[in-house]
C-alpha atoms as a PDB file:
ATOM      1  CA  MET A   1       7.485  -9.503 -26.427  1.00  0.00           C
ATOM      2  CA  SER A   2       9.014  -8.745 -23.084  1.00  0.00           C
ATOM      3  CA  GLU A   3      12.786  -8.606 -23.067  1.00  0.00           C
ATOM      4  CA  LYS A   4      12.705 -11.015 -20.140  1.00  0.00           C
ATOM      5  CA  GLN A   5      10.720 -13.736 -21.912  1.00  0.00           C
ATOM      6  CA  THR A   6      12.604 -15.903 -24.376  1.00  0.00           C
ATOM      7  CA  GLU A   7      11.178 -17.044 -27.691  1.00  0.00           C
ATOM      8  CA  PRO A   8      10.703 -20.652 -26.459  1.00  0.00           C
ATOM      9  CA  GLU A   9       8.825 -19.325 -23.397  1.00  0.00           C
ATOM     10  CA  ALA A  10       6.633 -17.171 -25.636  1.00  0.00           C
ATOM     11  CA  GLN A  11       5.912 -20.195 -27.826  1.00  0.00           C
ATOM     12  CA  GLU A  12       5.046 -22.212 -24.716  1.00  0.00           C
ATOM     13  CA  VAL A  13       2.552 -19.530 -23.664  1.00  0.00           C
ATOM     14  CA  THR A  14       0.888 -19.776 -27.073  1.00  0.00           C
ATOM     15  CA  ARG A  15       0.836 -23.586 -26.846  1.00  0.00           C
ATOM     16  CA  LEU A  16      -0.782 -23.463 -23.403  1.00  0.00           C
ATOM     17  CA  LEU A  17      -3.375 -20.932 -24.529  1.00  0.00           C
ATOM     18  CA  LEU A  18      -4.312 -23.156 -27.461  1.00  0.00           C
ATOM     19  CA  SER A  19      -4.553 -26.082 -25.035  1.00  0.00           C
ATOM     20  CA  LEU A  20      -6.839 -23.971 -22.856  1.00  0.00           C
ATOM     21  CA  ASN A  21      -8.998 -23.396 -25.956  1.00  0.00           C
ATOM     22  CA  ASP A  22      -9.358 -27.166 -26.191  1.00  0.00           C
ATOM     23  CA  GLY A  23     -10.733 -27.294 -22.646  1.00  0.00           C
ATOM     24  CA  ASN A  24      -7.551 -28.307 -20.834  1.00  0.00           C
ATOM     25  CA  ARG A  25      -8.027 -26.453 -17.521  1.00  0.00           C
ATOM     26  CA  GLU A  26      -4.677 -27.817 -16.299  1.00  0.00           C
ATOM     27  CA  ALA A  27      -3.030 -25.475 -18.815  1.00  0.00           C
ATOM     28  CA  VAL A  28      -3.918 -22.610 -16.461  1.00  0.00           C
ATOM     29  CA  ASP A  29      -1.541 -23.969 -13.799  1.00  0.00           C
ATOM     30  CA  ALA A  30       1.298 -24.171 -16.306  1.00  0.00           C
ATOM     31  CA  LEU A  31       0.457 -20.747 -17.748  1.00  0.00           C
ATOM     32  CA  VAL A  32       0.673 -18.835 -14.462  1.00  0.00           C
ATOM     33  CA  PRO A  33       4.455 -18.922 -14.005  1.00  0.00           C
ATOM     34  CA  LEU A  34       5.029 -18.004 -17.656  1.00  0.00           C
ATOM     35  CA  VAL A  35       2.839 -14.883 -17.722  1.00  0.00           C
ATOM     36  CA  TYR A  36       2.792 -13.747 -14.104  1.00  0.00           C
ATOM     37  CA  ALA A  37       6.037 -11.752 -14.161  1.00  0.00           C
ATOM     38  CA  GLU A  38       5.029  -9.862 -17.308  1.00  0.00           C
ATOM     39  CA  LEU A  39       1.543  -9.133 -15.964  1.00  0.00           C
ATOM     40  CA  ARG A  40       3.057  -8.005 -12.663  1.00  0.00           C
ATOM     41  CA  ARG A  41       5.492  -5.728 -14.508  1.00  0.00           C
ATOM     42  CA  LEU A  42       2.611  -4.133 -16.419  1.00  0.00           C
ATOM     43  CA  ALA A  43       0.517  -3.695 -13.285  1.00  0.00           C
ATOM     44  CA  ALA A  44       3.447  -2.190 -11.399  1.00  0.00           C
ATOM     45  CA  HIS A  45       4.010   0.219 -14.281  1.00  0.00           C
ATOM     46  CA  TYR A  46       0.389   1.384 -14.129  1.00  0.00           C
ATOM     47  CA  LEU A  47       0.464   1.819 -10.371  1.00  0.00           C
ATOM     48  CA  LYS A  48       4.008   3.116  -9.885  1.00  0.00           C
ATOM     49  CA  ASN A  49       2.874   6.591  -8.867  1.00  0.00           C
ATOM     50  CA  GLU A  50       0.419   5.365  -6.268  1.00  0.00           C
ATOM     51  CA  ARG A  51       1.199   5.884  -2.619  1.00  0.00           C
ATOM     52  CA  ALA A  52       2.677   2.860  -0.817  1.00  0.00           C
ATOM     53  CA  GLU A  53      -0.413   2.145   1.305  1.00  0.00           C
ATOM     54  CA  HIS A  54      -2.766   2.335  -1.682  1.00  0.00           C
ATOM     55  CA  THR A  55      -5.424  -0.367  -1.504  1.00  0.00           C
ATOM     56  CA  LEU A  56      -5.030  -1.474  -5.126  1.00  0.00           C
ATOM     57  CA  GLN A  57      -1.624  -3.106  -5.407  1.00  0.00           C
ATOM     58  CA  PRO A  58      -0.026  -4.606  -8.543  1.00  0.00           C
ATOM     59  CA  THR A  59      -0.504  -8.135  -7.219  1.00  0.00           C
ATOM     60  CA  ALA A  60      -4.234  -7.569  -6.725  1.00  0.00           C
ATOM     61  CA  LEU A  61      -4.537  -6.060 -10.198  1.00  0.00           C
ATOM     62  CA  VAL A  62      -2.697  -9.029 -11.732  1.00  0.00           C
ATOM     63  CA  HIS A  63      -4.796 -11.584  -9.870  1.00  0.00           C
ATOM     64  CA  GLU A  64      -8.067  -9.899 -10.786  1.00  0.00           C
ATOM     65  CA  ALA A  65      -7.074  -9.595 -14.456  1.00  0.00           C
ATOM     66  CA  PHE A  66      -5.744 -13.157 -14.651  1.00  0.00           C
ATOM     67  CA  LEU A  67      -8.868 -14.641 -13.084  1.00  0.00           C
ATOM     68  CA  ARG A  68     -11.065 -12.766 -15.537  1.00  0.00           C
ATOM     69  CA  LEU A  69      -8.854 -13.818 -18.450  1.00  0.00           C
ATOM     70  CA  VAL A  70      -8.955 -17.537 -17.773  1.00  0.00           C
ATOM     71  CA  GLU A  71     -12.628 -17.584 -16.787  1.00  0.00           C
ATOM     72  CA  GLN A  72     -13.920 -15.983 -19.972  1.00  0.00           C
ATOM     73  CA  GLU A  73     -14.760 -17.902 -23.093  1.00  0.00           C
ATOM     74  CA  THR A  74     -12.082 -16.678 -25.481  1.00  0.00           C
ATOM     75  CA  ALA A  75     -10.583 -18.401 -28.498  1.00  0.00           C
ATOM     76  CA  TRP A  76      -6.967 -17.615 -27.651  1.00  0.00           C
ATOM     77  CA  GLN A  77      -4.764 -17.054 -30.670  1.00  0.00           C
ATOM     78  CA  ASN A  78      -1.328 -16.525 -29.165  1.00  0.00           C
ATOM     79  CA  ARG A  79       0.700 -14.816 -26.448  1.00  0.00           C
ATOM     80  CA  THR A  80       0.241 -11.354 -27.951  1.00  0.00           C
ATOM     81  CA  HIS A  81      -3.535 -11.826 -28.040  1.00  0.00           C
ATOM     82  CA  PHE A  82      -3.432 -12.827 -24.360  1.00  0.00           C
ATOM     83  CA  PHE A  83      -1.545  -9.685 -23.340  1.00  0.00           C
ATOM     84  CA  ALA A  84      -3.817  -7.511 -25.484  1.00  0.00           C
ATOM     85  CA  MET A  85      -6.808  -8.927 -23.632  1.00  0.00           C
ATOM     86  CA  ALA A  86      -4.973  -8.444 -20.337  1.00  0.00           C
ATOM     87  CA  ALA A  87      -4.460  -4.786 -21.245  1.00  0.00           C
ATOM     88  CA  ASN A  88      -8.154  -4.349 -21.839  1.00  0.00           C
ATOM     89  CA  LEU A  89      -9.068  -6.024 -18.563  1.00  0.00           C
ATOM     90  CA  MET A  90      -6.519  -4.043 -16.559  1.00  0.00           C
ATOM     91  CA  ARG A  91      -7.905  -0.883 -18.089  1.00  0.00           C
ATOM     92  CA  ARG A  92     -11.442  -1.868 -17.065  1.00  0.00           C
ATOM     93  CA  ILE A  93     -10.328  -2.733 -13.523  1.00  0.00           C
ATOM     94  CA  LEU A  94      -8.426   0.547 -13.114  1.00  0.00           C
ATOM     95  CA  VAL A  95     -11.296   2.589 -14.526  1.00  0.00           C
ATOM     96  CA  ASP A  96     -13.818   0.829 -12.290  1.00  0.00           C
ATOM     97  CA  TYR A  97     -11.572   1.466  -9.305  1.00  0.00           C
ATOM     98  CA  ALA A  98     -11.130   5.132 -10.252  1.00  0.00           C
ATOM     99  CA  ARG A  99     -14.876   5.576 -10.760  1.00  0.00           C
ATOM    100  CA  ALA A 100     -15.634   4.046  -7.386  1.00  0.00           C
ATOM    101  CA  HIS A 101     -12.991   6.224  -5.747  1.00  0.00           C
ATOM    102  CA  ALA A 102     -14.195   9.384  -7.496  1.00  0.00           C
ATOM    103  CA  ALA A 103     -17.790   8.688  -6.525  1.00  0.00           C
ATOM    104  CA  GLU A 104     -16.708   8.092  -2.968  1.00  0.00           C
ATOM    105  CA  LYS A 105     -14.337  11.062  -2.600  1.00  0.00           C
ATOM    106  CA  ARG A 106     -15.433  13.691  -5.088  1.00  0.00           C
ATOM    107  CA  GLY A 107     -18.943  12.930  -6.151  1.00  0.00           C
ATOM    108  CA  GLY A 108     -17.672  11.780  -9.551  1.00  0.00           C
ATOM    109  CA  ALA A 109     -17.208  15.238 -11.064  1.00  0.00           C
ATOM    110  CA  ALA A 110     -15.152  15.193 -14.271  1.00  0.00           C
ATOM    111  CA  GLU A 111     -12.420  17.698 -15.033  1.00  0.00           C
ATOM    112  CA  LYS A 112     -10.199  18.583 -18.018  1.00  0.00           C
ATOM    113  CA  ILE A 113      -6.622  17.319 -17.755  1.00  0.00           C
ATOM    114  CA  ALA A 114      -3.419  17.247 -19.768  1.00  0.00           C
ATOM    115  CA  LEU A 115      -2.971  14.139 -21.909  1.00  0.00           C
ATOM    116  CA  GLU A 116       0.424  13.363 -20.418  1.00  0.00           C
ATOM    117  CA  ASP A 117      -1.100  13.449 -16.926  1.00  0.00           C
ATOM    118  CA  ALA A 118      -3.873  11.065 -17.916  1.00  0.00           C
ATOM    119  CA  PHE A 119      -1.423   8.214 -18.335  1.00  0.00           C
ATOM    120  CA  VAL A 120      -0.231   8.392 -14.742  1.00  0.00           C
ATOM    121  CA  PHE A 121      -2.549   6.623 -12.344  1.00  0.00           C
ATOM    122  CA  VAL A 122      -2.391   8.743  -9.232  1.00  0.00           C
ATOM    123  CA  LYS A 123      -4.739   8.130  -6.311  1.00  0.00           C
ATOM    124  CA  GLU A 124      -5.394  11.809  -5.814  1.00  0.00           C
ATOM    125  CA  LYS A 125      -6.696  12.139  -9.398  1.00  0.00           C
ATOM    126  CA  PRO A 126      -8.881   9.135 -10.286  1.00  0.00           C
ATOM    127  CA  SER A 127     -10.858  11.453 -12.561  1.00  0.00           C
ATOM    128  CA  GLU A 128      -7.871  11.369 -14.957  1.00  0.00           C
ATOM    129  CA  VAL A 129      -8.344   7.645 -15.536  1.00  0.00           C
ATOM    130  CA  ILE A 130     -12.055   8.199 -16.019  1.00  0.00           C
ATOM    131  CA  ALA A 131     -11.426  11.083 -18.445  1.00  0.00           C
ATOM    132  CA  LEU A 132      -8.979   8.982 -20.475  1.00  0.00           C
ATOM    133  CA  ASP A 133     -11.433   6.090 -20.580  1.00  0.00           C
ATOM    134  CA  ALA A 134     -14.267   8.375 -21.712  1.00  0.00           C
ATOM    135  CA  ALA A 135     -12.052   9.901 -24.398  1.00  0.00           C
ATOM    136  CA  LEU A 136     -11.005   6.448 -25.617  1.00  0.00           C
ATOM    137  CA  GLU A 137     -14.641   5.392 -25.808  1.00  0.00           C
ATOM    138  CA  GLU A 138     -15.418   8.481 -27.903  1.00  0.00           C
ATOM    139  CA  LEU A 139     -12.411   7.794 -30.119  1.00  0.00           C
ATOM    140  CA  ALA A 140     -13.594   4.199 -30.538  1.00  0.00           C
ATOM    141  CA  LYS A 141     -16.873   5.505 -31.971  1.00  0.00           C
ATOM    142  CA  ILE A 142     -14.941   7.565 -34.529  1.00  0.00           C
ATOM    143  CA  ASP A 143     -11.998   5.235 -35.159  1.00  0.00           C
ATOM    144  CA  PRO A 144     -11.960   1.940 -33.262  1.00  0.00           C
ATOM    145  CA  ARG A 145      -8.492   0.956 -34.452  1.00  0.00           C
ATOM    146  CA  ARG A 146      -6.857   4.149 -33.195  1.00  0.00           C
ATOM    147  CA  SER A 147      -8.567   3.730 -29.838  1.00  0.00           C
ATOM    148  CA  ARG A 148      -7.271   0.164 -29.679  1.00  0.00           C
ATOM    149  CA  VAL A 149      -3.721   1.339 -30.496  1.00  0.00           C
ATOM    150  CA  VAL A 150      -3.786   3.697 -27.499  1.00  0.00           C
ATOM    151  CA  GLU A 151      -5.246   1.000 -25.270  1.00  0.00           C
ATOM    152  CA  LEU A 152      -2.666  -1.597 -26.288  1.00  0.00           C
ATOM    153  CA  LYS A 153       0.218   0.843 -25.899  1.00  0.00           C
ATOM    154  CA  PHE A 154      -0.674   2.332 -22.530  1.00  0.00           C
ATOM    155  CA  PHE A 155      -2.738  -0.330 -20.842  1.00  0.00           C
ATOM    156  CA  GLY A 156      -1.107  -3.335 -22.481  1.00  0.00           C
ATOM    157  CA  GLY A 157       2.472  -2.186 -22.572  1.00  0.00           C
ATOM    158  CA  LEU A 158       2.834  -3.520 -26.110  1.00  0.00           C
ATOM    159  CA  ASN A 159       5.369  -2.032 -28.503  1.00  0.00           C
ATOM    160  CA  HIS A 160       4.492  -0.904 -32.035  1.00  0.00           C
ATOM    161  CA  GLU A 161       5.429  -4.238 -33.617  1.00  0.00           C
ATOM    162  CA  GLU A 162       3.291  -6.209 -31.145  1.00  0.00           C
ATOM    163  CA  ILE A 163       0.360  -3.844 -31.672  1.00  0.00           C
ATOM    164  CA  ALA A 164       0.690  -4.290 -35.438  1.00  0.00           C
ATOM    165  CA  LYS A 165       0.577  -8.062 -34.965  1.00  0.00           C
ATOM    166  CA  VAL A 166      -2.512  -7.916 -32.724  1.00  0.00           C
ATOM    167  CA  LEU A 167      -4.355  -5.622 -35.123  1.00  0.00           C
ATOM    168  CA  GLY A 168      -3.131  -7.325 -38.289  1.00  0.00           C
ATOM    169  CA  VAL A 169      -1.732  -4.134 -39.785  1.00  0.00           C
ATOM    170  CA  HIS A 170       1.685  -2.820 -40.783  1.00  0.00           C
ATOM    171  CA  VAL A 171       3.792  -1.145 -38.094  1.00  0.00           C
ATOM    172  CA  ASN A 172       3.693   2.122 -40.087  1.00  0.00           C
ATOM    173  CA  THR A 173      -0.095   2.075 -39.747  1.00  0.00           C
ATOM    174  CA  VAL A 174       0.281   1.711 -35.987  1.00  0.00           C
ATOM    175  CA  LEU A 175       2.698   4.656 -35.863  1.00  0.00           C
ATOM    176  CA  ARG A 176       0.340   6.807 -37.917  1.00  0.00           C
ATOM    177  CA  ASP A 177      -2.670   5.767 -35.830  1.00  0.00           C
ATOM    178  CA  TRP A 178      -0.753   6.475 -32.629  1.00  0.00           C
ATOM    179  CA  ASN A 179       0.217   9.985 -33.738  1.00  0.00           C
ATOM    180  CA  LEU A 180      -3.303  10.834 -34.886  1.00  0.00           C
ATOM    181  CA  ALA A 181      -4.942   9.326 -31.797  1.00  0.00           C
ATOM    182  CA  ARG A 182      -2.579  11.188 -29.497  1.00  0.00           C
ATOM    183  CA  ALA A 183      -3.342  14.479 -31.252  1.00  0.00           C
ATOM    184  CA  TRP A 184      -7.079  13.833 -31.048  1.00  0.00           C
ATOM    185  CA  LEU A 185      -6.897  12.874 -27.378  1.00  0.00           C
ATOM    186  CA  LYS A 186      -5.022  16.074 -26.566  1.00  0.00           C
ATOM    187  CA  THR A 187      -8.035  18.018 -27.808  1.00  0.00           C
ATOM    188  CA  GLN A 188     -10.389  15.972 -25.640  1.00  0.00           C
ATOM    189  CA  ILE A 189      -8.683  15.778 -22.240  1.00  0.00           C
END
């Protein structure tokens, strides 16, 4: 949970998501102010190394992700589930953007990169986002849970305890999966 969101606020997010499950579309209006700041913080984190005049801004990323989240048919479980889904959607949006940019600027050619560099979304290197996404897809074929751990950590901004809760595993399993996934990814990108 974000340090900025209190436990009662987190519980209210879960309550609103469950209300949304029941078809209460008005819950969306109440949900926005409770999740917007956290989504904006995550988006800003992903885009912090972009140049100021970059066309994809954190606000646009948040709005796109939020619209996709509330429009899809999902049986929301709780706040953590919501942010895990948001992480996945933000990843998809960023990868789609990077692919479009790479196709436009570089013909889409892939290149090998350092793992640490792959987690920084820099306009001049959209191929890094694409390479990370491709590596995560390969990892998902081998070990879906480890791929999900990486996705939740880097694209969702979740900590180890929150990832454990989303995946329904012990935090030690998350730590082990993270270490193994990171080592595997270093061999791939």
